[in-house]
Amino acid sequence: MAETESTQTEYDPLLQNNDGVQEQLTPLPKLQLFCVFLIQAAEPVTATVIYPFINQFVRETGITGGDEKKTGYYAGLIVRISAFTRHLTRIARCLGIRILLCREFDCCVLGSFIR
């Protein structure tokens, strides 16, 4: 069996387009990308809109008993928990949800022993 010489390199495509027709580039879905961009841009705005209402919410729940120092404490606690959960969702995307749930469970168990 005679060997045939090949002039192909490793950079050449394995399947050749024998029609002579070049492939058309697919256009970007501009409307869908704009919608995604709009949603991504609106999320930080909506996260900051709730700040003026947190103090009112804490006062109306009655957990502070009218003490303004406690109102500020609980409002800050709500804001920190919100930021922490946003951070945890970013970690969950990177590590995977199972690891994150195990860490949250560990934190809950540890927190129950601290009290």
PDB file of N, CA and C in Angstrom:
ATOM      1  N   MET A   1       0.846  -1.151   0.000  1.00  0.00           N
ATOM      2  CA  MET A   1       0.000   0.000   0.000  1.00  0.00           C
ATOM      3  C   MET A   1       0.901   1.226   0.000  1.00  0.00           C
ATOM      4  N   ALA A   2       0.673   2.084  -0.947  1.00  0.00           N
ATOM      5  CA  ALA A   2       1.512   3.268  -1.090  1.00  0.00           C
ATOM      6  C   ALA A   2       0.964   4.389  -0.225  1.00  0.00           C
ATOM      7  N   GLU A   3       1.875   5.096   0.415  1.00  0.00           N
ATOM      8  CA  GLU A   3       1.464   6.214   1.245  1.00  0.00           C
ATOM      9  C   GLU A   3       1.302   7.450   0.381  1.00  0.00           C
ATOM     10  N   THR A   4       0.251   8.199   0.654  1.00  0.00           N
ATOM     11  CA  THR A   4       0.050   9.446  -0.078  1.00  0.00           C
ATOM     12  C   THR A   4       0.540  10.587   0.778  1.00  0.00           C
ATOM     13  N   GLU A   5       1.172  11.546   0.150  1.00  0.00           N
ATOM     14  CA  GLU A   5       1.671  12.696   0.889  1.00  0.00           C
ATOM     15  C   GLU A   5       0.543  13.697   1.068  1.00  0.00           C
ATOM     16  N   SER A   6       0.475  14.258   2.250  1.00  0.00           N
ATOM     17  CA  SER A   6      -0.561  15.237   2.558  1.00  0.00           C
ATOM     18  C   SER A   6       0.116  16.573   2.834  1.00  0.00           C
ATOM     19  N   THR A   7      -0.463  17.621   2.277  1.00  0.00           N
ATOM     20  CA  THR A   7       0.101  18.945   2.498  1.00  0.00           C
ATOM     21  C   THR A   7      -0.644  19.694   3.601  1.00  0.00           C
ATOM     22  N   GLN A   8      -1.519  18.992   4.287  1.00  0.00           N
ATOM     23  CA  GLN A   8      -2.276  19.635   5.345  1.00  0.00           C
ATOM     24  C   GLN A   8      -1.429  19.733   6.612  1.00  0.00           C
ATOM     25  N   THR A   9      -1.691  20.783   7.357  1.00  0.00           N
ATOM     26  CA  THR A   9      -1.044  20.946   8.651  1.00  0.00           C
ATOM     27  C   THR A   9      -2.093  20.780   9.736  1.00  0.00           C
ATOM     28  N   GLU A  10      -1.656  20.891  10.974  1.00  0.00           N
ATOM     29  CA  GLU A  10      -2.607  20.740  12.075  1.00  0.00           C
ATOM     30  C   GLU A  10      -3.547  21.923  12.207  1.00  0.00           C
ATOM     31  N   TYR A  11      -3.249  23.007  11.521  1.00  0.00           N
ATOM     32  CA  TYR A  11      -4.095  24.190  11.581  1.00  0.00           C
ATOM     33  C   TYR A  11      -5.184  24.192  10.511  1.00  0.00           C
ATOM     34  N   ASP A  12      -5.126  23.308   9.560  1.00  0.00           N
ATOM     35  CA  ASP A  12      -6.139  23.223   8.512  1.00  0.00           C
ATOM     36  C   ASP A  12      -7.387  22.532   9.060  1.00  0.00           C
ATOM     37  N   PRO A  13      -8.573  22.952   8.609  1.00  0.00           N
ATOM     38  CA  PRO A  13      -9.791  22.286   9.074  1.00  0.00           C
ATOM     39  C   PRO A  13      -9.863  20.860   8.546  1.00  0.00           C
ATOM     40  N   LEU A  14     -10.472  19.993   9.324  1.00  0.00           N
ATOM     41  CA  LEU A  14     -10.573  18.596   8.927  1.00  0.00           C
ATOM     42  C   LEU A  14     -11.579  18.394   7.800  1.00  0.00           C
ATOM     43  N   LEU A  15     -12.655  19.138   7.817  1.00  0.00           N
ATOM     44  CA  LEU A  15     -13.668  19.037   6.781  1.00  0.00           C
ATOM     45  C   LEU A  15     -13.534  20.237   5.855  1.00  0.00           C
ATOM     46  N   GLN A  16     -13.355  19.967   4.592  1.00  0.00           N
ATOM     47  CA  GLN A  16     -13.208  21.030   3.606  1.00  0.00           C
ATOM     48  C   GLN A  16     -14.566  21.376   3.026  1.00  0.00           C
ATOM     49  N   ASN A  17     -14.771  22.648   2.753  1.00  0.00           N
ATOM     50  CA  ASN A  17     -15.979  23.113   2.109  1.00  0.00           C
ATOM     51  C   ASN A  17     -15.732  23.064   0.599  1.00  0.00           C
ATOM     52  N   ASN A  18     -16.247  22.038  -0.056  1.00  0.00           N
ATOM     53  CA  ASN A  18     -15.974  21.834  -1.475  1.00  0.00           C
ATOM     54  C   ASN A  18     -16.905  22.620  -2.383  1.00  0.00           C
ATOM     55  N   ASP A  19     -17.917  23.298  -1.841  1.00  0.00           N
ATOM     56  CA  ASP A  19     -18.854  24.031  -2.684  1.00  0.00           C
ATOM     57  C   ASP A  19     -18.213  25.302  -3.235  1.00  0.00           C
ATOM     58  N   GLY A  20     -17.249  25.823  -2.539  1.00  0.00           N
ATOM     59  CA  GLY A  20     -16.679  27.101  -2.919  1.00  0.00           C
ATOM     60  C   GLY A  20     -17.475  28.258  -2.344  1.00  0.00           C
ATOM     61  N   VAL A  21     -18.490  27.950  -1.547  1.00  0.00           N
ATOM     62  CA  VAL A  21     -19.328  28.980  -0.949  1.00  0.00           C
ATOM     63  C   VAL A  21     -18.768  29.301   0.433  1.00  0.00           C
ATOM     64  N   GLN A  22     -18.553  30.585   0.667  1.00  0.00           N
ATOM     65  CA  GLN A  22     -18.069  30.977   1.983  1.00  0.00           C
ATOM     66  C   GLN A  22     -19.228  31.060   2.963  1.00  0.00           C
ATOM     67  N   GLU A  23     -18.935  30.721   4.210  1.00  0.00           N
ATOM     68  CA  GLU A  23     -19.967  30.778   5.234  1.00  0.00           C
ATOM     69  C   GLU A  23     -20.252  32.226   5.600  1.00  0.00           C
ATOM     70  N   GLN A  24     -21.523  32.514   5.840  1.00  0.00           N
ATOM     71  CA  GLN A  24     -21.905  33.856   6.235  1.00  0.00           C
ATOM     72  C   GLN A  24     -21.741  34.000   7.747  1.00  0.00           C
ATOM     73  N   LEU A  25     -21.337  35.173   8.150  1.00  0.00           N
ATOM     74  CA  LEU A  25     -21.241  35.451   9.570  1.00  0.00           C
ATOM     75  C   LEU A  25     -22.630  35.658  10.138  1.00  0.00           C
ATOM     76  N   THR A  26     -22.863  35.106  11.315  1.00  0.00           N
ATOM     77  CA  THR A  26     -24.149  35.257  11.964  1.00  0.00           C
ATOM     78  C   THR A  26     -24.176  36.602  12.679  1.00  0.00           C
ATOM     79  N   PRO A  27     -25.197  37.423  12.427  1.00  0.00           N
ATOM     80  CA  PRO A  27     -25.252  38.725  13.107  1.00  0.00           C
ATOM     81  C   PRO A  27     -25.573  38.551  14.586  1.00  0.00           C
ATOM     82  N   LEU A  28     -25.119  39.494  15.373  1.00  0.00           N
ATOM     83  CA  LEU A  28     -25.406  39.456  16.800  1.00  0.00           C
ATOM     84  C   LEU A  28     -26.878  39.792  17.051  1.00  0.00           C
ATOM     85  N   PRO A  29     -27.491  39.126  18.020  1.00  0.00           N
ATOM     86  CA  PRO A  29     -28.884  39.459  18.363  1.00  0.00           C
ATOM     87  C   PRO A  29     -28.899  40.745  19.196  1.00  0.00           C
ATOM     88  N   LYS A  30     -28.953  41.868  18.523  1.00  0.00           N
ATOM     89  CA  LYS A  30     -28.792  43.162  19.194  1.00  0.00           C
ATOM     90  C   LYS A  30     -29.917  43.460  20.174  1.00  0.00           C
ATOM     91  N   LEU A  31     -31.131  43.124  19.843  1.00  0.00           N
ATOM     92  CA  LEU A  31     -32.245  43.395  20.742  1.00  0.00           C
ATOM     93  C   LEU A  31     -32.119  42.581  22.034  1.00  0.00           C
ATOM     94  N   GLN A  32     -31.785  41.306  21.909  1.00  0.00           N
ATOM     95  CA  GLN A  32     -31.634  40.471  23.098  1.00  0.00           C
ATOM     96  C   GLN A  32     -30.464  40.944  23.953  1.00  0.00           C
ATOM     97  N   LEU A  33     -29.360  41.308  23.327  1.00  0.00           N
ATOM     98  CA  LEU A  33     -28.215  41.813  24.080  1.00  0.00           C
ATOM     99  C   LEU A  33     -28.542  43.127  24.772  1.00  0.00           C
ATOM    100  N   PHE A  34     -29.312  43.984  24.124  1.00  0.00           N
ATOM    101  CA  PHE A  34     -29.715  45.241  24.745  1.00  0.00           C
ATOM    102  C   PHE A  34     -30.599  44.982  25.957  1.00  0.00           C
ATOM    103  N   CYS A  35     -31.515  44.014  25.851  1.00  0.00           N
ATOM    104  CA  CYS A  35     -32.381  43.686  26.988  1.00  0.00           C
ATOM    105  C   CYS A  35     -31.568  43.154  28.164  1.00  0.00           C
ATOM    106  N   VAL A  36     -30.607  42.302  27.893  1.00  0.00           N
ATOM    107  CA  VAL A  36     -29.749  41.777  28.960  1.00  0.00           C
ATOM    108  C   VAL A  36     -28.940  42.907  29.589  1.00  0.00           C
ATOM    109  N   PHE A  37     -28.409  43.795  28.770  1.00  0.00           N
ATOM    110  CA  PHE A  37     -27.651  44.933  29.297  1.00  0.00           C
ATOM    111  C   PHE A  37     -28.531  45.823  30.158  1.00  0.00           C
ATOM    112  N   LEU A  38     -29.750  46.054  29.727  1.00  0.00           N
ATOM    113  CA  LEU A  38     -30.667  46.898  30.479  1.00  0.00           C
ATOM    114  C   LEU A  38     -30.993  46.288  31.840  1.00  0.00           C
ATOM    115  N   ILE A  39     -31.211  44.989  31.873  1.00  0.00           N
ATOM    116  CA  ILE A  39     -31.500  44.313  33.131  1.00  0.00           C
ATOM    117  C   ILE A  39     -30.285  44.364  34.054  1.00  0.00           C
ATOM    118  N   GLN A  40     -29.096  44.118  33.499  1.00  0.00           N
ATOM    119  CA  GLN A  40     -27.879  44.155  34.306  1.00  0.00           C
ATOM    120  C   GLN A  40     -27.602  45.561  34.838  1.00  0.00           C
ATOM    121  N   ALA A  41     -27.929  46.579  34.072  1.00  0.00           N
ATOM    122  CA  ALA A  41     -27.712  47.956  34.517  1.00  0.00           C
ATOM    123  C   ALA A  41     -28.758  48.381  35.533  1.00  0.00           C
ATOM    124  N   ALA A  42     -29.960  47.830  35.478  1.00  0.00           N
ATOM    125  CA  ALA A  42     -31.034  48.230  36.387  1.00  0.00           C
ATOM    126  C   ALA A  42     -30.905  47.590  37.762  1.00  0.00           C
ATOM    127  N   GLU A  43     -30.219  46.479  37.872  1.00  0.00           N
ATOM    128  CA  GLU A  43     -30.123  45.765  39.155  1.00  0.00           C
ATOM    129  C   GLU A  43     -29.461  46.601  40.247  1.00  0.00           C
ATOM    130  N   PRO A  44     -28.320  47.265  40.010  1.00  0.00           N
ATOM    131  CA  PRO A  44     -27.752  48.089  41.085  1.00  0.00           C
ATOM    132  C   PRO A  44     -28.646  49.272  41.468  1.00  0.00           C
ATOM    133  N   VAL A  45     -29.370  49.805  40.508  1.00  0.00           N
ATOM    134  CA  VAL A  45     -30.262  50.924  40.800  1.00  0.00           C
ATOM    135  C   VAL A  45     -31.396  50.454  41.710  1.00  0.00           C
ATOM    136  N   THR A  46     -31.987  49.325  41.394  1.00  0.00           N
ATOM    137  CA  THR A  46     -33.083  48.831  42.218  1.00  0.00           C
ATOM    138  C   THR A  46     -32.600  48.401  43.593  1.00  0.00           C
ATOM    139  N   ALA A  47     -31.345  47.979  43.697  1.00  0.00           N
ATOM    140  CA  ALA A  47     -30.813  47.605  45.006  1.00  0.00           C
ATOM    141  C   ALA A  47     -30.664  48.818  45.910  1.00  0.00           C
ATOM    142  N   THR A  48     -30.373  49.984  45.352  1.00  0.00           N
ATOM    143  CA  THR A  48     -30.201  51.176  46.185  1.00  0.00           C
ATOM    144  C   THR A  48     -31.513  51.919  46.429  1.00  0.00           C
ATOM    145  N   VAL A  49     -32.546  51.632  45.682  1.00  0.00           N
ATOM    146  CA  VAL A  49     -33.821  52.313  45.859  1.00  0.00           C
ATOM    147  C   VAL A  49     -34.467  51.939  47.192  1.00  0.00           C
ATOM    148  N   ILE A  50     -34.202  50.742  47.699  1.00  0.00           N
ATOM    149  CA  ILE A  50     -34.870  50.296  48.922  1.00  0.00           C
ATOM    150  C   ILE A  50     -34.307  50.947  50.184  1.00  0.00           C
ATOM    151  N   TYR A  51     -33.153  51.580  50.123  1.00  0.00           N
ATOM    152  CA  TYR A  51     -32.528  52.133  51.327  1.00  0.00           C
ATOM    153  C   TYR A  51     -33.414  53.113  52.100  1.00  0.00           C
ATOM    154  N   PRO A  52     -34.118  54.051  51.471  1.00  0.00           N
ATOM    155  CA  PRO A  52     -34.958  54.957  52.268  1.00  0.00           C
ATOM    156  C   PRO A  52     -36.123  54.261  52.966  1.00  0.00           C
ATOM    157  N   PHE A  53     -36.533  53.122  52.472  1.00  0.00           N
ATOM    158  CA  PHE A  53     -37.695  52.445  53.035  1.00  0.00           C
ATOM    159  C   PHE A  53     -37.344  51.457  54.137  1.00  0.00           C
ATOM    160  N   ILE A  54     -36.076  51.143  54.302  1.00  0.00           N
ATOM    161  CA  ILE A  54     -35.694  50.153  55.309  1.00  0.00           C
ATOM    162  C   ILE A  54     -35.959  50.682  56.717  1.00  0.00           C
ATOM    163  N   ASN A  55     -35.612  51.940  56.975  1.00  0.00           N
ATOM    164  CA  ASN A  55     -35.860  52.499  58.306  1.00  0.00           C
ATOM    165  C   ASN A  55     -37.346  52.488  58.648  1.00  0.00           C
ATOM    166  N   GLN A  56     -38.168  52.855  57.679  1.00  0.00           N
ATOM    167  CA  GLN A  56     -39.609  52.844  57.907  1.00  0.00           C
ATOM    168  C   GLN A  56     -40.098  51.425  58.181  1.00  0.00           C
ATOM    169  N   PHE A  57     -39.583  50.474  57.454  1.00  0.00           N
ATOM    170  CA  PHE A  57     -39.964  49.076  57.657  1.00  0.00           C
ATOM    171  C   PHE A  57     -39.599  48.610  59.065  1.00  0.00           C
ATOM    172  N   VAL A  58     -38.394  48.948  59.515  1.00  0.00           N
ATOM    173  CA  VAL A  58     -37.961  48.530  60.849  1.00  0.00           C
ATOM    174  C   VAL A  58     -38.818  49.194  61.919  1.00  0.00           C
ATOM    175  N   ARG A  59     -39.150  50.479  61.741  1.00  0.00           N
ATOM    176  CA  ARG A  59     -39.999  51.167  62.717  1.00  0.00           C
ATOM    177  C   ARG A  59     -41.392  50.548  62.786  1.00  0.00           C
ATOM    178  N   GLU A  60     -41.954  50.206  61.603  1.00  0.00           N
ATOM    179  CA  GLU A  60     -43.316  49.667  61.568  1.00  0.00           C
ATOM    180  C   GLU A  60     -43.414  48.251  62.110  1.00  0.00           C
ATOM    181  N   THR A  61     -42.337  47.499  62.079  1.00  0.00           N
ATOM    182  CA  THR A  61     -42.396  46.143  62.634  1.00  0.00           C
ATOM    183  C   THR A  61     -42.463  46.159  64.144  1.00  0.00           C
ATOM    184  N   GLY A  62     -41.946  47.230  64.775  1.00  0.00           N
ATOM    185  CA  GLY A  62     -42.033  47.358  66.218  1.00  0.00           C
ATOM    186  C   GLY A  62     -40.977  46.598  66.993  1.00  0.00           C
ATOM    187  N   ILE A  63     -39.959  46.095  66.358  1.00  0.00           N
ATOM    188  CA  ILE A  63     -38.945  45.319  67.077  1.00  0.00           C
ATOM    189  C   ILE A  63     -37.997  46.208  67.869  1.00  0.00           C
ATOM    190  N   THR A  64     -37.985  47.513  67.585  1.00  0.00           N
ATOM    191  CA  THR A  64     -37.065  48.405  68.292  1.00  0.00           C
ATOM    192  C   THR A  64     -37.700  49.065  69.494  1.00  0.00           C
ATOM    193  N   GLY A  65     -38.990  49.075  69.590  1.00  0.00           N
ATOM    194  CA  GLY A  65     -39.664  49.717  70.703  1.00  0.00           C
ATOM    195  C   GLY A  65     -39.533  51.231  70.681  1.00  0.00           C
ATOM    196  N   GLY A  66     -39.329  51.824  69.508  1.00  0.00           N
ATOM    197  CA  GLY A  66     -39.226  53.268  69.377  1.00  0.00           C
ATOM    198  C   GLY A  66     -37.819  53.819  69.536  1.00  0.00           C
ATOM    199  N   ASP A  67     -36.834  53.000  69.834  1.00  0.00           N
ATOM    200  CA  ASP A  67     -35.453  53.452  70.008  1.00  0.00           C
ATOM    201  C   ASP A  67     -34.802  53.627  68.630  1.00  0.00           C
ATOM    202  N   GLU A  68     -34.395  54.871  68.317  1.00  0.00           N
ATOM    203  CA  GLU A  68     -33.815  55.168  67.003  1.00  0.00           C
ATOM    204  C   GLU A  68     -32.446  54.506  66.811  1.00  0.00           C
ATOM    205  N   LYS A  69     -31.696  54.312  67.886  1.00  0.00           N
ATOM    206  CA  LYS A  69     -30.401  53.634  67.753  1.00  0.00           C
ATOM    207  C   LYS A  69     -30.592  52.189  67.306  1.00  0.00           C
ATOM    208  N   LYS A  70     -31.594  51.559  67.867  1.00  0.00           N
ATOM    209  CA  LYS A  70     -31.881  50.184  67.450  1.00  0.00           C
ATOM    210  C   LYS A  70     -32.418  50.150  66.021  1.00  0.00           C
ATOM    211  N   THR A  71     -33.145  51.180  65.622  1.00  0.00           N
ATOM    212  CA  THR A  71     -33.647  51.249  64.247  1.00  0.00           C
ATOM    213  C   THR A  71     -32.479  51.279  63.273  1.00  0.00           C
ATOM    214  N   GLY A  72     -31.476  52.084  63.552  1.00  0.00           N
ATOM    215  CA  GLY A  72     -30.294  52.135  62.700  1.00  0.00           C
ATOM    216  C   GLY A  72     -29.538  50.825  62.684  1.00  0.00           C
ATOM    217  N   TYR A  73     -29.470  50.169  63.835  1.00  0.00           N
ATOM    218  CA  TYR A  73     -28.777  48.887  63.917  1.00  0.00           C
ATOM    219  C   TYR A  73     -29.458  47.846  63.038  1.00  0.00           C
ATOM    220  N   TYR A  74     -30.779  47.726  63.193  1.00  0.00           N
ATOM    221  CA  TYR A  74     -31.500  46.715  62.417  1.00  0.00           C
ATOM    222  C   TYR A  74     -31.534  47.059  60.927  1.00  0.00           C
ATOM    223  N   ALA A  75     -31.607  48.331  60.591  1.00  0.00           N
ATOM    224  CA  ALA A  75     -31.568  48.718  59.177  1.00  0.00           C
ATOM    225  C   ALA A  75     -30.212  48.366  58.581  1.00  0.00           C
ATOM    226  N   GLY A  76     -29.140  48.628  59.316  1.00  0.00           N
ATOM    227  CA  GLY A  76     -27.808  48.251  58.846  1.00  0.00           C
ATOM    228  C   GLY A  76     -27.652  46.749  58.717  1.00  0.00           C
ATOM    229  N   LEU A  77     -28.253  46.019  59.640  1.00  0.00           N
ATOM    230  CA  LEU A  77     -28.196  44.562  59.588  1.00  0.00           C
ATOM    231  C   LEU A  77     -28.897  44.031  58.338  1.00  0.00           C
ATOM    232  N   ILE A  78     -30.037  44.604  58.011  1.00  0.00           N
ATOM    233  CA  ILE A  78     -30.767  44.186  56.809  1.00  0.00           C
ATOM    234  C   ILE A  78     -29.953  44.469  55.551  1.00  0.00           C
ATOM    235  N   VAL A  79     -29.330  45.641  55.490  1.00  0.00           N
ATOM    236  CA  VAL A  79     -28.527  45.997  54.319  1.00  0.00           C
ATOM    237  C   VAL A  79     -27.318  45.066  54.199  1.00  0.00           C
ATOM    238  N   ARG A  80     -26.658  44.761  55.305  1.00  0.00           N
ATOM    239  CA  ARG A  80     -25.486  43.877  55.277  1.00  0.00           C
ATOM    240  C   ARG A  80     -25.872  42.466  54.865  1.00  0.00           C
ATOM    241  N   ILE A  81     -26.990  41.979  55.371  1.00  0.00           N
ATOM    242  CA  ILE A  81     -27.435  40.633  54.999  1.00  0.00           C
ATOM    243  C   ILE A  81     -27.747  40.575  53.510  1.00  0.00           C
ATOM    244  N   SER A  82     -28.357  41.630  52.996  1.00  0.00           N
ATOM    245  CA  SER A  82     -28.657  41.689  51.568  1.00  0.00           C
ATOM    246  C   SER A  82     -27.372  41.659  50.734  1.00  0.00           C
ATOM    247  N   ALA A  83     -26.379  42.449  51.141  1.00  0.00           N
ATOM    248  CA  ALA A  83     -25.113  42.462  50.411  1.00  0.00           C
ATOM    249  C   ALA A  83     -24.395  41.121  50.533  1.00  0.00           C
ATOM    250  N   PHE A  84     -24.483  40.505  51.697  1.00  0.00           N
ATOM    251  CA  PHE A  84     -23.832  39.216  51.914  1.00  0.00           C
ATOM    252  C   PHE A  84     -24.449  38.127  51.041  1.00  0.00           C
ATOM    253  N   THR A  85     -25.776  38.127  50.920  1.00  0.00           N
ATOM    254  CA  THR A  85     -26.418  37.119  50.075  1.00  0.00           C
ATOM    255  C   THR A  85     -26.089  37.338  48.604  1.00  0.00           C
ATOM    256  N   ARG A  86     -25.949  38.610  48.182  1.00  0.00           N
ATOM    257  CA  ARG A  86     -25.517  38.851  46.804  1.00  0.00           C
ATOM    258  C   ARG A  86     -24.114  38.305  46.580  1.00  0.00           C
ATOM    259  N   HIS A  87     -23.266  38.481  47.570  1.00  0.00           N
ATOM    260  CA  HIS A  87     -21.901  37.959  47.471  1.00  0.00           C
ATOM    261  C   HIS A  87     -21.912  36.430  47.432  1.00  0.00           C
ATOM    262  N   LEU A  88     -22.782  35.806  48.224  1.00  0.00           N
ATOM    263  CA  LEU A  88     -22.860  34.350  48.227  1.00  0.00           C
ATOM    264  C   LEU A  88     -23.341  33.806  46.886  1.00  0.00           C
ATOM    265  N   THR A  89     -24.233  34.518  46.222  1.00  0.00           N
ATOM    266  CA  THR A  89     -24.675  34.033  44.914  1.00  0.00           C
ATOM    267  C   THR A  89     -23.551  34.101  43.895  1.00  0.00           C
ATOM    268  N   ARG A  90     -22.681  35.103  44.001  1.00  0.00           N
ATOM    269  CA  ARG A  90     -21.521  35.150  43.108  1.00  0.00           C
ATOM    270  C   ARG A  90     -20.585  33.980  43.377  1.00  0.00           C
ATOM    271  N   ILE A  91     -20.393  33.666  44.650  1.00  0.00           N
ATOM    272  CA  ILE A  91     -19.544  32.529  45.003  1.00  0.00           C
ATOM    273  C   ILE A  91     -20.181  31.231  44.516  1.00  0.00           C
ATOM    274  N   ALA A  92     -21.499  31.130  44.630  1.00  0.00           N
ATOM    275  CA  ALA A  92     -22.195  29.916  44.200  1.00  0.00           C
ATOM    276  C   ALA A  92     -22.012  29.676  42.711  1.00  0.00           C
ATOM    277  N   ARG A  93     -21.981  30.741  41.935  1.00  0.00           N
ATOM    278  CA  ARG A  93     -21.769  30.571  40.497  1.00  0.00           C
ATOM    279  C   ARG A  93     -20.381  30.015  40.204  1.00  0.00           C
ATOM    280  N   CYS A  94     -19.407  30.395  41.000  1.00  0.00           N
ATOM    281  CA  CYS A  94     -18.037  29.935  40.770  1.00  0.00           C
ATOM    282  C   CYS A  94     -17.798  28.535  41.329  1.00  0.00           C
ATOM    283  N   LEU A  95     -18.208  28.290  42.570  1.00  0.00           N
ATOM    284  CA  LEU A  95     -17.887  27.035  43.243  1.00  0.00           C
ATOM    285  C   LEU A  95     -18.898  25.933  43.007  1.00  0.00           C
ATOM    286  N   GLY A  96     -20.098  26.293  42.801  1.00  0.00           N
ATOM    287  CA  GLY A  96     -21.153  25.295  42.710  1.00  0.00           C
ATOM    288  C   GLY A  96     -22.039  25.412  43.929  1.00  0.00           C
ATOM    289  N   ILE A  97     -23.282  25.074  43.780  1.00  0.00           N
ATOM    290  CA  ILE A  97     -24.266  25.314  44.823  1.00  0.00           C
ATOM    291  C   ILE A  97     -24.106  24.366  46.000  1.00  0.00           C
ATOM    292  N   ARG A  98     -23.644  23.143  45.791  1.00  0.00           N
ATOM    293  CA  ARG A  98     -23.524  22.194  46.894  1.00  0.00           C
ATOM    294  C   ARG A  98     -22.527  22.658  47.945  1.00  0.00           C
ATOM    295  N   ILE A  99     -21.384  23.147  47.492  1.00  0.00           N
ATOM    296  CA  ILE A  99     -20.372  23.621  48.422  1.00  0.00           C
ATOM    297  C   ILE A  99     -20.899  24.813  49.202  1.00  0.00           C
ATOM    298  N   LEU A 100     -21.586  25.692  48.527  1.00  0.00           N
ATOM    299  CA  LEU A 100     -22.120  26.878  49.195  1.00  0.00           C
ATOM    300  C   LEU A 100     -23.151  26.502  50.245  1.00  0.00           C
ATOM    301  N   LEU A 101     -24.035  25.555  49.943  1.00  0.00           N
ATOM    302  CA  LEU A 101     -25.044  25.146  50.910  1.00  0.00           C
ATOM    303  C   LEU A 101     -24.407  24.512  52.136  1.00  0.00           C
ATOM    304  N   CYS A 102     -23.345  23.743  51.929  1.00  0.00           N
ATOM    305  CA  CYS A 102     -22.637  23.152  53.070  1.00  0.00           C
ATOM    306  C   CYS A 102     -22.011  24.230  53.933  1.00  0.00           C
ATOM    307  N   ARG A 103     -21.426  25.238  53.321  1.00  0.00           N
ATOM    308  CA  ARG A 103     -20.820  26.333  54.090  1.00  0.00           C
ATOM    309  C   ARG A 103     -21.883  27.130  54.838  1.00  0.00           C
ATOM    310  N   GLU A 104     -23.029  27.361  54.221  1.00  0.00           N
ATOM    311  CA  GLU A 104     -24.106  28.082  54.902  1.00  0.00           C
ATOM    312  C   GLU A 104     -24.606  27.285  56.100  1.00  0.00           C
ATOM    313  N   PHE A 105     -24.716  25.975  55.937  1.00  0.00           N
ATOM    314  CA  PHE A 105     -25.140  25.131  57.055  1.00  0.00           C
ATOM    315  C   PHE A 105     -24.125  25.201  58.184  1.00  0.00           C
ATOM    316  N   ASP A 106     -22.832  25.150  57.842  1.00  0.00           N
ATOM    317  CA  ASP A 106     -21.784  25.260  58.860  1.00  0.00           C
ATOM    318  C   ASP A 106     -21.881  26.589  59.603  1.00  0.00           C
ATOM    319  N   CYS A 107     -22.130  27.668  58.868  1.00  0.00           N
ATOM    320  CA  CYS A 107     -22.253  28.988  59.499  1.00  0.00           C
ATOM    321  C   CYS A 107     -23.473  29.051  60.419  1.00  0.00           C
ATOM    322  N   CYS A 108     -24.577  28.431  60.002  1.00  0.00           N
ATOM    323  CA  CYS A 108     -25.777  28.423  60.850  1.00  0.00           C
ATOM    324  C   CYS A 108     -25.523  27.638  62.134  1.00  0.00           C
ATOM    325  N   VAL A 109     -24.866  26.500  62.024  1.00  0.00           N
ATOM    326  CA  VAL A 109     -24.563  25.700  63.215  1.00  0.00           C
ATOM    327  C   VAL A 109     -23.614  26.471  64.131  1.00  0.00           C
ATOM    328  N   LEU A 110     -22.580  27.070  63.568  1.00  0.00           N
ATOM    329  CA  LEU A 110     -21.636  27.841  64.360  1.00  0.00           C
ATOM    330  C   LEU A 110     -22.327  29.044  65.016  1.00  0.00           C
ATOM    331  N   GLY A 111     -23.198  29.697  64.280  1.00  0.00           N
ATOM    332  CA  GLY A 111     -23.922  30.841  64.836  1.00  0.00           C
ATOM    333  C   GLY A 111     -24.848  30.455  65.969  1.00  0.00           C
ATOM    334  N   SER A 112     -25.408  29.259  65.913  1.00  0.00           N
ATOM    335  CA  SER A 112     -26.300  28.845  66.987  1.00  0.00           C
ATOM    336  C   SER A 112     -25.510  28.549  68.266  1.00  0.00           C
ATOM    337  N   PHE A 113     -24.256  28.141  68.167  1.00  0.00           N
ATOM    338  CA  PHE A 113     -23.442  27.895  69.347  1.00  0.00           C
ATOM    339  C   PHE A 113     -22.889  29.183  69.945  1.00  0.00           C
ATOM    340  N   ILE A 114     -22.748  30.226  69.139  1.00  0.00           N
ATOM    341  CA  ILE A 114     -22.192  31.491  69.628  1.00  0.00           C
ATOM    342  C   ILE A 114     -23.158  32.157  70.593  1.00  0.00           C
ATOM    343  N   ARG A 115     -24.429  32.091  70.317  1.00  0.00           N
ATOM    344  CA  ARG A 115     -25.418  32.723  71.209  1.00  0.00           C
ATOM    345  C   ARG A 115     -25.378  32.040  72.496  1.00  0.00           C
TER     346      ARG A 115
END
